[in-house]
């Protein structure tokens, strides 16, 4: 929306006095750059400018290892067993808050030990019933940004003698 001297926001504004300024206030969804054109009846050429809002990155909330997103499974996929399931959320301001969904890629690389389910901005990683030790990286894709999450499955064994 445009406003003259921080007045009422409108889609189109007209400046009356030479000291008036036009300001652009944008709190909408993430968009690709757009061109804004200004014209005046006493000027033969239009003025143009490109508007490209700064996009926020994807914000991850969940388990980390050394500050990086990482899910470490260590128990077979039995519900209620600690280590069999972990959840996390991921959002992107200007994107997910406008009804857009992050897309998830790379889950096939986890198929020998885990599944990843998405419900809106929530993600659940669950070990399969017969997991094989390994790791994979999944990618969350937002509006012009990505975030990777490492997923591992570790099998621990204890030998009694």
Protein backbone atom coordinates (compact mmCIF):
# COMPACT_ATOMS: atom_id res chain seq x y z
CA UNK A 1 0.00 0.00 0.00
CA UNK A 2 1.11 3.54 -0.68
CA UNK A 3 0.65 6.54 1.60
CA UNK A 4 1.41 10.26 1.31
CA UNK A 5 3.24 11.59 4.37
CA UNK A 6 2.35 8.37 6.24
CA UNK A 7 -1.37 9.04 5.76
CA UNK A 8 -4.09 6.53 4.87
CA UNK A 9 -2.68 3.61 2.83
CA UNK A 10 -4.13 3.27 -0.69
CA UNK A 11 -3.25 1.41 -3.87
CA UNK A 12 -2.91 4.66 -5.84
CA UNK A 13 -1.98 8.06 -4.42
CA UNK A 14 -1.65 11.58 -5.75
CA UNK A 15 0.86 14.06 -4.41
CA UNK A 16 -0.41 17.64 -4.27
CA UNK A 17 2.41 19.73 -2.85
CA UNK A 18 6.11 19.58 -3.65
CA UNK A 19 7.07 18.76 -0.05
CA UNK A 20 4.89 15.68 0.20
CA UNK A 21 6.56 12.28 0.23
CA UNK A 22 5.22 8.90 -0.82
CA UNK A 23 6.01 5.97 1.44
CA UNK A 24 5.54 2.29 0.74
CA UNK A 25 4.49 0.07 3.65
CA UNK A 26 4.29 -3.63 2.86
CA UNK A 27 3.23 -6.31 5.36
CA UNK A 28 1.91 -8.85 2.89
CA UNK A 29 2.94 -12.20 1.56
CA UNK A 30 6.35 -12.86 0.05
CA UNK A 31 6.41 -11.77 -3.58
CA UNK A 32 8.88 -11.69 -6.42
CA UNK A 33 10.20 -8.21 -7.22
CA UNK A 34 7.64 -5.84 -8.80
CA UNK A 35 8.03 -2.60 -10.73
CA UNK A 36 6.37 0.58 -9.48
CA UNK A 37 5.73 3.39 -11.94
CA UNK A 38 5.21 7.06 -11.12
CA UNK A 39 3.92 9.60 -13.62
CA UNK A 40 3.09 13.27 -13.66
CA UNK A 41 1.05 15.35 -16.10
CA UNK A 42 3.85 17.91 -16.44
CA UNK A 43 6.62 15.40 -17.08
CA UNK A 44 7.09 13.53 -20.35
CA UNK A 45 8.76 10.39 -18.92
CA UNK A 46 7.57 8.07 -16.16
CA UNK A 47 9.81 7.13 -13.24
CA UNK A 48 10.13 3.46 -12.31
CA UNK A 49 11.59 1.60 -9.38
CA UNK A 50 11.78 -2.04 -8.38
CA UNK A 51 10.26 -3.18 -5.10
CA UNK A 52 11.73 -6.37 -3.67
CA UNK A 53 10.73 -7.06 -0.06
CA UNK A 54 13.28 -8.72 2.17
CA UNK A 55 12.26 -12.33 2.69
CA UNK A 56 12.59 -14.04 6.03
CA UNK A 57 14.34 -17.39 6.18
CA UNK A 58 12.72 -20.61 7.35
CA UNK A 59 12.57 -20.79 11.15
CA UNK A 60 13.11 -24.28 12.62
CA UNK A 61 12.00 -25.26 16.10
CA UNK A 62 13.07 -28.72 17.16
CA UNK A 63 16.06 -30.90 18.11
CA UNK A 64 19.52 -29.67 17.08
CA UNK A 65 23.05 -31.00 17.19
CA UNK A 66 25.84 -28.40 17.34
CA UNK A 67 23.26 -25.76 16.44
CA UNK A 68 22.06 -27.47 13.24
CA UNK A 69 18.63 -29.09 12.78
CA UNK A 70 18.99 -32.82 13.45
CA UNK A 71 16.63 -35.60 14.44
CA UNK A 72 18.35 -38.62 16.04
CA UNK A 73 16.17 -41.71 16.27
CA UNK A 74 17.40 -44.66 18.33
CA UNK A 75 14.41 -46.94 18.93
CA UNK A 76 12.18 -48.91 16.53
CA UNK A 77 8.90 -47.26 15.49
CA UNK A 78 6.74 -48.41 18.39
CA UNK A 79 4.37 -45.70 19.56
CA UNK A 80 5.13 -44.44 23.02
CA UNK A 81 8.77 -45.63 22.98
CA UNK A 82 11.27 -42.85 23.66
CA UNK A 83 13.52 -42.23 20.67
CA UNK A 84 11.09 -43.72 18.13
CA UNK A 85 9.49 -40.39 17.18
CA UNK A 86 10.52 -36.75 17.18
CA UNK A 87 8.62 -33.70 15.97
CA UNK A 88 9.61 -30.24 14.82
CA UNK A 89 8.00 -27.16 13.33
CA UNK A 90 9.16 -24.92 10.51
CA UNK A 91 7.66 -21.58 9.44
CA UNK A 92 8.53 -18.72 7.13
CA UNK A 93 7.17 -15.25 7.78
CA UNK A 94 5.38 -13.86 4.75
CA UNK A 95 4.77 -17.38 3.43
CA UNK A 96 3.39 -19.98 5.84
CA UNK A 97 1.40 -17.32 7.70
CA UNK A 98 -0.40 -16.61 4.39
CA UNK A 99 -1.57 -20.20 3.95
CA UNK A 100 1.36 -21.43 1.87
CA UNK A 101 3.04 -24.73 2.77
CA UNK A 102 6.70 -25.54 2.89
CA UNK A 103 7.47 -28.49 0.64
CA UNK A 104 9.57 -31.38 1.84
CA UNK A 105 12.04 -33.22 -0.42
CA UNK A 106 14.58 -35.97 0.13
CA UNK A 107 12.45 -38.23 2.31
CA UNK A 108 13.09 -41.26 0.07
CA UNK A 109 16.68 -41.30 1.33
CA UNK A 110 15.33 -42.05 4.81
CA UNK A 111 13.04 -44.93 3.81
CA UNK A 112 15.24 -47.69 5.26
CA UNK A 113 14.79 -46.36 8.79
CA UNK A 114 12.23 -43.52 9.02
CA UNK A 115 9.15 -41.82 7.67
CA UNK A 116 8.48 -38.10 7.72
CA UNK A 117 4.90 -36.81 7.93
CA UNK A 118 3.84 -33.19 7.45
CA UNK A 119 0.76 -31.47 8.81
CA UNK A 120 0.87 -27.75 8.04
CA UNK A 121 4.00 -26.40 9.71
CA UNK A 122 4.48 -29.49 11.92
CA UNK A 123 6.65 -32.43 10.92
CA UNK A 124 6.89 -35.83 12.62
CA UNK A 125 9.80 -38.20 12.05
CA UNK A 126 9.12 -41.80 13.04
CA UNK A 127 11.44 -44.79 12.97
CA UNK A 128 10.15 -47.73 10.95
CA UNK A 129 9.38 -51.00 12.74
CA UNK A 130 12.58 -52.66 11.43
CA UNK A 131 14.98 -49.74 10.96
CA UNK A 132 18.47 -50.08 9.48
CA UNK A 133 21.11 -47.74 10.88
CA UNK A 134 21.77 -44.78 8.62
CA UNK A 135 21.24 -41.11 7.98
CA UNK A 136 19.68 -38.83 5.40
CA UNK A 137 19.07 -35.15 4.79
CA UNK A 138 15.65 -33.73 3.99
CA UNK A 139 15.11 -30.25 2.59
CA UNK A 140 12.32 -27.84 3.48
CA UNK A 141 11.58 -25.51 0.57
CA UNK A 142 9.91 -22.17 1.21
CA UNK A 143 9.63 -18.98 -0.83
CA UNK A 144 13.11 -18.65 -2.38
CA UNK A 145 14.76 -20.25 0.67
CA UNK A 146 15.58 -23.74 1.88
CA UNK A 147 16.50 -25.40 5.16
CA UNK A 148 18.05 -28.84 5.57
CA UNK A 149 17.36 -31.23 8.44
CA UNK A 150 19.59 -34.23 9.08
CA UNK A 151 17.85 -37.42 10.22
CA UNK A 152 19.75 -40.34 11.72
CA UNK A 153 18.95 -43.75 13.09
CA UNK A 154 21.44 -45.39 15.43
CA UNK A 155 21.15 -48.96 16.66
CA UNK A 156 22.84 -49.63 19.95
CA UNK A 157 23.74 -53.06 21.14
CA UNK A 158 24.87 -54.40 24.46
CA UNK A 159 26.70 -57.70 24.76
CA UNK A 160 26.23 -59.58 28.03
CA UNK A 161 28.65 -62.31 29.00
